[in-house]
Amino acid sequence: KRVNEKCGLKIEGVMRKFLGAPTEEMLRNG
């Protein structure tokens, strides 16, 4: 978010659930 702000990119919206749910292993790994 900070990178985008410093570069001046403008917010257009939020794409809800754009990424699939993480696996249990992904959650364990941070």
PDB file of all heavy atoms in Angstrom:
ATOM      1  N   LYS A   1       0.834  -1.202   0.000  1.00  0.00           N
ATOM      2  CA  LYS A   1       0.000   0.000   0.000  1.00  0.00           C
ATOM      3  C   LYS A   1       0.868   1.252   0.000  1.00  0.00           C
ATOM      4  O   LYS A   1       0.607   2.204  -0.748  1.00  0.00           O
ATOM      5  CB  LYS A   1      -0.922  -0.003   1.219  1.00  0.00           C
ATOM      6  CG  LYS A   1      -1.817   1.220   1.304  1.00  0.00           C
ATOM      7  CD  LYS A   1      -2.725   1.141   2.527  1.00  0.00           C
ATOM      8  CE  LYS A   1      -3.633   2.374   2.603  1.00  0.00           C
ATOM      9  NZ  LYS A   1      -4.554   2.308   3.755  1.00  0.00           N
ATOM     10  N   ARG A   2       1.929   1.258   0.813  1.00  0.00           N
ATOM     11  CA  ARG A   2       2.821   2.423   0.864  1.00  0.00           C
ATOM     12  C   ARG A   2       3.508   2.650  -0.471  1.00  0.00           C
ATOM     13  O   ARG A   2       3.666   3.795  -0.918  1.00  0.00           O
ATOM     14  CB  ARG A   2       3.856   2.255   1.979  1.00  0.00           C
ATOM     15  CG  ARG A   2       3.294   2.418   3.381  1.00  0.00           C
ATOM     16  CD  ARG A   2       4.396   2.569   4.401  1.00  0.00           C
ATOM     17  NE  ARG A   2       5.256   1.392   4.486  1.00  0.00           N
ATOM     18  CZ  ARG A   2       5.015   0.344   5.266  1.00  0.00           C
ATOM     19  NH1 ARG A   2       3.928   0.323   6.043  1.00  0.00           N
ATOM     20  NH2 ARG A   2       5.842  -0.672   5.297  1.00  0.00           N
ATOM     21  N   VAL A   3       3.945   1.576  -1.122  1.00  0.00           N
ATOM     22  CA  VAL A   3       4.581   1.715  -2.439  1.00  0.00           C
ATOM     23  C   VAL A   3       3.619   2.373  -3.423  1.00  0.00           C
ATOM     24  O   VAL A   3       3.983   3.314  -4.142  1.00  0.00           O
ATOM     25  CB  VAL A   3       5.034   0.337  -2.970  1.00  0.00           C
ATOM     26  CG1 VAL A   3       5.456   0.429  -4.438  1.00  0.00           C
ATOM     27  CG2 VAL A   3       6.186  -0.209  -2.135  1.00  0.00           C
ATOM     28  N   ASN A   4       2.386   1.900  -3.450  1.00  0.00           N
ATOM     29  CA  ASN A   4       1.390   2.466  -4.363  1.00  0.00           C
ATOM     30  C   ASN A   4       1.110   3.921  -4.053  1.00  0.00           C
ATOM     31  O   ASN A   4       0.961   4.748  -4.962  1.00  0.00           O
ATOM     32  CB  ASN A   4       0.101   1.642  -4.299  1.00  0.00           C
ATOM     33  CG  ASN A   4       0.135   0.420  -5.179  1.00  0.00           C
ATOM     34  OD1 ASN A   4      -0.502   0.373  -6.216  1.00  0.00           O
ATOM     35  ND2 ASN A   4       0.900  -0.591  -4.774  1.00  0.00           N
ATOM     36  N   GLU A   5       1.028   4.245  -2.773  1.00  0.00           N
ATOM     37  CA  GLU A   5       0.774   5.635  -2.395  1.00  0.00           C
ATOM     38  C   GLU A   5       1.922   6.541  -2.828  1.00  0.00           C
ATOM     39  O   GLU A   5       1.697   7.642  -3.342  1.00  0.00           O
ATOM     40  CB  GLU A   5       0.567   5.721  -0.884  1.00  0.00           C
ATOM     41  CG  GLU A   5      -0.759   5.127  -0.414  1.00  0.00           C
ATOM     42  CD  GLU A   5      -0.894   5.104   1.093  1.00  0.00           C
ATOM     43  OE1 GLU A   5       0.147   5.200   1.790  1.00  0.00           O
ATOM     44  OE2 GLU A   5      -2.026   4.961   1.574  1.00  0.00           O
ATOM     45  N   LYS A   6       3.164   6.095  -2.615  1.00  0.00           N
ATOM     46  CA  LYS A   6       4.324   6.911  -2.981  1.00  0.00           C
ATOM     47  C   LYS A   6       4.438   7.096  -4.491  1.00  0.00           C
ATOM     48  O   LYS A   6       5.033   8.077  -4.950  1.00  0.00           O
ATOM     49  CB  LYS A   6       5.597   6.279  -2.422  1.00  0.00           C
ATOM     50  CG  LYS A   6       5.701   6.343  -0.907  1.00  0.00           C
ATOM     51  CD  LYS A   6       6.934   5.617  -0.408  1.00  0.00           C
ATOM     52  CE  LYS A   6       7.030   5.649   1.114  1.00  0.00           C
ATOM     53  NZ  LYS A   6       8.204   4.894   1.615  1.00  0.00           N
ATOM     54  N   CYS A   7       3.882   6.155  -5.238  1.00  0.00           N
ATOM     55  CA  CYS A   7       3.929   6.257  -6.701  1.00  0.00           C
ATOM     56  C   CYS A   7       2.722   6.985  -7.272  1.00  0.00           C
ATOM     57  O   CYS A   7       2.697   7.296  -8.468  1.00  0.00           O
ATOM     58  CB  CYS A   7       4.033   4.862  -7.311  1.00  0.00           C
ATOM     59  SG  CYS A   7       5.590   4.019  -6.934  1.00  0.00           S
ATOM     60  N   GLY A   8       1.718   7.251  -6.442  1.00  0.00           N
ATOM     61  CA  GLY A   8       0.573   8.025  -6.890  1.00  0.00           C
ATOM     62  C   GLY A   8      -0.547   7.246  -7.539  1.00  0.00           C
ATOM     63  O   GLY A   8      -1.458   7.837  -8.126  1.00  0.00           O
ATOM     64  N   LEU A   9      -0.515   5.901  -7.437  1.00  0.00           N
ATOM     65  CA  LEU A   9      -1.601   5.115  -8.032  1.00  0.00           C
ATOM     66  C   LEU A   9      -2.899   5.363  -7.266  1.00  0.00           C
ATOM     67  O   LEU A   9      -2.906   5.453  -6.037  1.00  0.00           O
ATOM     68  CB  LEU A   9      -1.263   3.624  -8.032  1.00  0.00           C
ATOM     69  CG  LEU A   9      -0.272   3.212  -9.118  1.00  0.00           C
ATOM     70  CD1 LEU A   9       1.140   3.194  -8.576  1.00  0.00           C
ATOM     71  CD2 LEU A   9      -0.628   1.843  -9.695  1.00  0.00           C
ATOM     72  N   LYS A  10      -3.995   5.471  -8.000  1.00  0.00           N
ATOM     73  CA  LYS A  10      -5.281   5.839  -7.421  1.00  0.00           C
ATOM     74  C   LYS A  10      -6.137   4.607  -7.134  1.00  0.00           C
ATOM     75  O   LYS A  10      -6.210   3.685  -7.955  1.00  0.00           O
ATOM     76  CB  LYS A  10      -6.021   6.778  -8.371  1.00  0.00           C
ATOM     77  CG  LYS A  10      -5.259   8.076  -8.644  1.00  0.00           C
ATOM     78  CD  LYS A  10      -6.047   8.994  -9.555  1.00  0.00           C
ATOM     79  CE  LYS A  10      -5.296  10.299  -9.798  1.00  0.00           C
ATOM     80  NZ  LYS A  10      -6.082  11.236 -10.637  1.00  0.00           N
ATOM     81  N   ILE A  11      -6.805   4.619  -5.979  1.00  0.00           N
ATOM     82  CA  ILE A  11      -7.678   3.509  -5.603  1.00  0.00           C
ATOM     83  C   ILE A  11      -8.889   3.454  -6.538  1.00  0.00           C
ATOM     84  O   ILE A  11      -9.550   4.465  -6.783  1.00  0.00           O
ATOM     85  CB  ILE A  11      -8.159   3.653  -4.147  1.00  0.00           C
ATOM     86  CG1 ILE A  11      -6.984   3.578  -3.173  1.00  0.00           C
ATOM     87  CG2 ILE A  11      -9.182   2.573  -3.815  1.00  0.00           C
ATOM     88  CD1 ILE A  11      -7.361   3.829  -1.722  1.00  0.00           C
ATOM     89  N   GLU A  12      -9.173   2.260  -7.046  1.00  0.00           N
ATOM     90  CA  GLU A  12     -10.343   2.074  -7.890  1.00  0.00           C
ATOM     91  C   GLU A  12     -11.400   1.194  -7.235  1.00  0.00           C
ATOM     92  O   GLU A  12     -12.554   1.221  -7.617  1.00  0.00           O
ATOM     93  CB  GLU A  12      -9.926   1.474  -9.239  1.00  0.00           C
ATOM     94  CG  GLU A  12      -9.042   2.418 -10.044  1.00  0.00           C
ATOM     95  CD  GLU A  12      -8.883   1.980 -11.475  1.00  0.00           C
ATOM     96  OE1 GLU A  12      -8.894   0.750 -11.716  1.00  0.00           O
ATOM     97  OE2 GLU A  12      -8.764   2.855 -12.354  1.00  0.00           O
ATOM     98  N   GLY A  13     -10.978   0.386  -6.270  1.00  0.00           N
ATOM     99  CA  GLY A  13     -11.947  -0.466  -5.594  1.00  0.00           C
ATOM    100  C   GLY A  13     -11.299  -1.668  -4.951  1.00  0.00           C
ATOM    101  O   GLY A  13     -10.079  -1.844  -5.007  1.00  0.00           O
ATOM    102  N   VAL A  14     -12.117  -2.490  -4.325  1.00  0.00           N
ATOM    103  CA  VAL A  14     -11.662  -3.711  -3.664  1.00  0.00           C
ATOM    104  C   VAL A  14     -12.331  -4.902  -4.332  1.00  0.00           C
ATOM    105  O   VAL A  14     -13.560  -4.939  -4.484  1.00  0.00           O
ATOM    106  CB  VAL A  14     -11.993  -3.696  -2.158  1.00  0.00           C
ATOM    107  CG1 VAL A  14     -11.630  -5.030  -1.512  1.00  0.00           C
ATOM    108  CG2 VAL A  14     -11.270  -2.548  -1.462  1.00  0.00           C
ATOM    109  N   MET A  15     -11.511  -5.854  -4.756  1.00  0.00           N
ATOM    110  CA  MET A  15     -12.019  -7.093  -5.337  1.00  0.00           C
ATOM    111  C   MET A  15     -12.076  -8.131  -4.221  1.00  0.00           C
ATOM    112  O   MET A  15     -11.047  -8.662  -3.788  1.00  0.00           O
ATOM    113  CB  MET A  15     -11.111  -7.551  -6.481  1.00  0.00           C
ATOM    114  CG  MET A  15     -11.069  -6.554  -7.631  1.00  0.00           C
ATOM    115  SD  MET A  15      -9.987  -7.070  -8.989  1.00  0.00           S
ATOM    116  CE  MET A  15      -8.385  -6.761  -8.241  1.00  0.00           C
ATOM    117  N   ARG A  16     -13.281  -8.403  -3.747  1.00  0.00           N
ATOM    118  CA  ARG A  16     -13.457  -9.268  -2.600  1.00  0.00           C
ATOM    119  C   ARG A  16     -13.177 -10.722  -2.974  1.00  0.00           C
ATOM    120  O   ARG A  16     -13.594 -11.201  -4.023  1.00  0.00           O
ATOM    121  CB  ARG A  16     -14.860  -9.116  -2.038  1.00  0.00           C
ATOM    122  CG  ARG A  16     -15.120  -7.718  -1.449  1.00  0.00           C
ATOM    123  CD  ARG A  16     -16.539  -7.577  -0.972  1.00  0.00           C
ATOM    124  NE  ARG A  16     -17.483  -7.668  -2.079  1.00  0.00           N
ATOM    125  CZ  ARG A  16     -18.800  -7.781  -1.911  1.00  0.00           C
ATOM    126  NH1 ARG A  16     -19.318  -7.822  -0.691  1.00  0.00           N
ATOM    127  NH2 ARG A  16     -19.594  -7.853  -2.958  1.00  0.00           N
ATOM    128  N   LYS A  17     -12.464 -11.401  -2.084  1.00  0.00           N
ATOM    129  CA  LYS A  17     -12.106 -12.815  -2.265  1.00  0.00           C
ATOM    130  C   LYS A  17     -11.486 -13.057  -3.640  1.00  0.00           C
ATOM    131  O   LYS A  17     -11.756 -14.066  -4.298  1.00  0.00           O
ATOM    132  CB  LYS A  17     -13.325 -13.720  -2.043  1.00  0.00           C
ATOM    133  CG  LYS A  17     -13.910 -13.576  -0.644  1.00  0.00           C
ATOM    134  CD  LYS A  17     -12.846 -13.794   0.421  1.00  0.00           C
ATOM    135  CE  LYS A  17     -13.349 -13.479   1.818  1.00  0.00           C
ATOM    136  NZ  LYS A  17     -12.258 -13.461   2.835  1.00  0.00           N
ATOM    137  N   PHE A  18     -10.617 -12.151  -4.038  1.00  0.00           N
ATOM    138  CA  PHE A  18      -9.923 -12.283  -5.309  1.00  0.00           C
ATOM    139  C   PHE A  18      -8.989 -13.487  -5.284  1.00  0.00           C
ATOM    140  O   PHE A  18      -8.820 -14.181  -6.284  1.00  0.00           O
ATOM    141  CB  PHE A  18      -9.138 -11.003  -5.592  1.00  0.00           C
ATOM    142  CG  PHE A  18      -8.447 -10.984  -6.922  1.00  0.00           C
ATOM    143  CD1 PHE A  18      -9.156 -10.680  -8.070  1.00  0.00           C
ATOM    144  CD2 PHE A  18      -7.097 -11.258  -7.035  1.00  0.00           C
ATOM    145  CE1 PHE A  18      -8.533 -10.661  -9.310  1.00  0.00           C
ATOM    146  CE2 PHE A  18      -6.462 -11.244  -8.267  1.00  0.00           C
ATOM    147  CZ  PHE A  18      -7.187 -10.946  -9.408  1.00  0.00           C
ATOM    148  N   LEU A  19      -8.346 -13.729  -4.138  1.00  0.00           N
ATOM    149  CA  LEU A  19      -7.491 -14.897  -3.962  1.00  0.00           C
ATOM    150  C   LEU A  19      -8.265 -15.999  -3.246  1.00  0.00           C
ATOM    151  O   LEU A  19      -9.121 -15.726  -2.402  1.00  0.00           O
ATOM    152  CB  LEU A  19      -6.251 -14.533  -3.144  1.00  0.00           C
ATOM    153  CG  LEU A  19      -5.293 -13.524  -3.774  1.00  0.00           C
ATOM    154  CD1 LEU A  19      -4.160 -13.221  -2.812  1.00  0.00           C
ATOM    155  CD2 LEU A  19      -4.738 -14.060  -5.086  1.00  0.00           C
ATOM    156  N   GLY A  20      -7.951 -17.239  -3.588  1.00  0.00           N
ATOM    157  CA  GLY A  20      -8.589 -18.362  -2.934  1.00  0.00           C
ATOM    158  C   GLY A  20      -8.156 -18.480  -1.481  1.00  0.00           C
ATOM    159  O   GLY A  20      -7.159 -17.895  -1.051  1.00  0.00           O
ATOM    160  N   ALA A  21      -8.908 -19.246  -0.729  1.00  0.00           N
ATOM    161  CA  ALA A  21      -8.604 -19.432   0.690  1.00  0.00           C
ATOM    162  C   ALA A  21      -7.247 -20.119   0.845  1.00  0.00           C
ATOM    163  O   ALA A  21      -6.906 -21.032   0.080  1.00  0.00           O
ATOM    164  CB  ALA A  21      -9.690 -20.265   1.353  1.00  0.00           C
ATOM    165  N   PRO A  22      -6.447 -19.691   1.819  1.00  0.00           N
ATOM    166  CA  PRO A  22      -5.139 -20.331   2.030  1.00  0.00           C
ATOM    167  C   PRO A  22      -5.305 -21.744   2.589  1.00  0.00           C
ATOM    168  O   PRO A  22      -6.306 -22.054   3.252  1.00  0.00           O
ATOM    169  CB  PRO A  22      -4.476 -19.413   3.060  1.00  0.00           C
ATOM    170  CG  PRO A  22      -5.618 -18.812   3.811  1.00  0.00           C
ATOM    171  CD  PRO A  22      -6.713 -18.621   2.799  1.00  0.00           C
ATOM    172  N   THR A  23      -4.331 -22.585   2.317  1.00  0.00           N
ATOM    173  CA  THR A  23      -4.335 -23.920   2.897  1.00  0.00           C
ATOM    174  C   THR A  23      -3.895 -23.846   4.357  1.00  0.00           C
ATOM    175  O   THR A  23      -3.350 -22.837   4.812  1.00  0.00           O
ATOM    176  CB  THR A  23      -3.378 -24.846   2.134  1.00  0.00           C
ATOM    177  OG1 THR A  23      -2.027 -24.354   2.308  1.00  0.00           O
ATOM    178  CG2 THR A  23      -3.715 -24.880   0.640  1.00  0.00           C
ATOM    179  N   GLU A  24      -4.127 -24.923   5.077  1.00  0.00           N
ATOM    180  CA  GLU A  24      -3.674 -24.982   6.469  1.00  0.00           C
ATOM    181  C   GLU A  24      -2.155 -24.837   6.549  1.00  0.00           C
ATOM    182  O   GLU A  24      -1.627 -24.203   7.459  1.00  0.00           O
ATOM    183  CB  GLU A  24      -4.119 -26.298   7.107  1.00  0.00           C
ATOM    184  CG  GLU A  24      -5.620 -26.398   7.342  1.00  0.00           C
ATOM    185  CD  GLU A  24      -6.111 -25.352   8.328  1.00  0.00           C
ATOM    186  OE1 GLU A  24      -5.375 -25.039   9.287  1.00  0.00           O
ATOM    187  OE2 GLU A  24      -7.231 -24.841   8.136  1.00  0.00           O
ATOM    188  N   GLU A  25      -1.459 -25.405   5.558  1.00  0.00           N
ATOM    189  CA  GLU A  25       0.005 -25.304   5.548  1.00  0.00           C
ATOM    190  C   GLU A  25       0.441 -23.858   5.336  1.00  0.00           C
ATOM    191  O   GLU A  25       1.386 -23.383   5.987  1.00  0.00           O
ATOM    192  CB  GLU A  25       0.590 -26.194   4.454  1.00  0.00           C
ATOM    193  CG  GLU A  25       2.119 -26.179   4.417  1.00  0.00           C
ATOM    194  CD  GLU A  25       2.697 -27.086   3.355  1.00  0.00           C
ATOM    195  OE1 GLU A  25       1.933 -27.637   2.539  1.00  0.00           O
ATOM    196  OE2 GLU A  25       3.935 -27.242   3.334  1.00  0.00           O
ATOM    197  N   MET A  26      -0.233 -23.149   4.449  1.00  0.00           N
ATOM    198  CA  MET A  26       0.101 -21.741   4.235  1.00  0.00           C
ATOM    199  C   MET A  26      -0.094 -20.933   5.514  1.00  0.00           C
ATOM    200  O   MET A  26       0.730 -20.090   5.858  1.00  0.00           O
ATOM    201  CB  MET A  26      -0.750 -21.162   3.090  1.00  0.00           C
ATOM    202  CG  MET A  26      -0.385 -21.678   1.712  1.00  0.00           C
ATOM    203  SD  MET A  26      -1.556 -21.143   0.424  1.00  0.00           S
ATOM    204  CE  MET A  26      -1.207 -19.380   0.342  1.00  0.00           C
ATOM    205  N   LEU A  27      -1.171 -21.195   6.228  1.00  0.00           N
ATOM    206  CA  LEU A  27      -1.426 -20.485   7.483  1.00  0.00           C
ATOM    207  C   LEU A  27      -0.347 -20.800   8.510  1.00  0.00           C
ATOM    208  O   LEU A  27       0.125 -19.910   9.222  1.00  0.00           O
ATOM    209  CB  LEU A  27      -2.812 -20.851   8.021  1.00  0.00           C
ATOM    210  CG  LEU A  27      -4.000 -20.326   7.203  1.00  0.00           C
ATOM    211  CD1 LEU A  27      -5.293 -20.930   7.715  1.00  0.00           C
ATOM    212  CD2 LEU A  27      -4.055 -18.805   7.247  1.00  0.00           C
ATOM    213  N   ARG A  28       0.050 -22.052   8.584  1.00  0.00           N
ATOM    214  CA  ARG A  28       1.114 -22.435   9.526  1.00  0.00           C
ATOM    215  C   ARG A  28       2.422 -21.749   9.162  1.00  0.00           C
ATOM    216  O   ARG A  28       3.236 -21.435  10.045  1.00  0.00           O
ATOM    217  CB  ARG A  28       1.307 -23.957   9.540  1.00  0.00           C
ATOM    218  CG  ARG A  28       0.203 -24.736  10.232  1.00  0.00           C
ATOM    219  CD  ARG A  28       0.645 -26.157  10.516  1.00  0.00           C
ATOM    220  NE  ARG A  28       1.003 -26.868   9.298  1.00  0.00           N
ATOM    221  CZ  ARG A  28       0.156 -27.582   8.567  1.00  0.00           C
ATOM    222  NH1 ARG A  28      -1.128 -27.664   8.936  1.00  0.00           N
ATOM    223  NH2 ARG A  28       0.551 -28.219   7.482  1.00  0.00           N
ATOM    224  N   ASN A  29       2.640 -21.519   7.863  1.00  0.00           N
ATOM    225  CA  ASN A  29       3.898 -20.932   7.398  1.00  0.00           C
ATOM    226  C   ASN A  29       3.877 -19.401   7.341  1.00  0.00           C
ATOM    227  O   ASN A  29       4.799 -18.802   6.806  1.00  0.00           O
ATOM    228  CB  ASN A  29       4.260 -21.498   6.021  1.00  0.00           C
ATOM    229  CG  ASN A  29       4.711 -22.944   6.096  1.00  0.00           C
ATOM    230  OD1 ASN A  29       5.212 -23.393   7.126  1.00  0.00           O
ATOM    231  ND2 ASN A  29       4.522 -23.687   5.023  1.00  0.00           N
ATOM    232  N   GLY A  30       2.826 -18.785   7.896  1.00  0.00           N
ATOM    233  CA  GLY A  30       2.867 -17.335   8.041  1.00  0.00           C
ATOM    234  C   GLY A  30       1.972 -16.515   7.142  1.00  0.00           C
ATOM    235  O   GLY A  30       2.091 -15.286   7.115  1.00  0.00           O
TER     236      GLY A  30
END
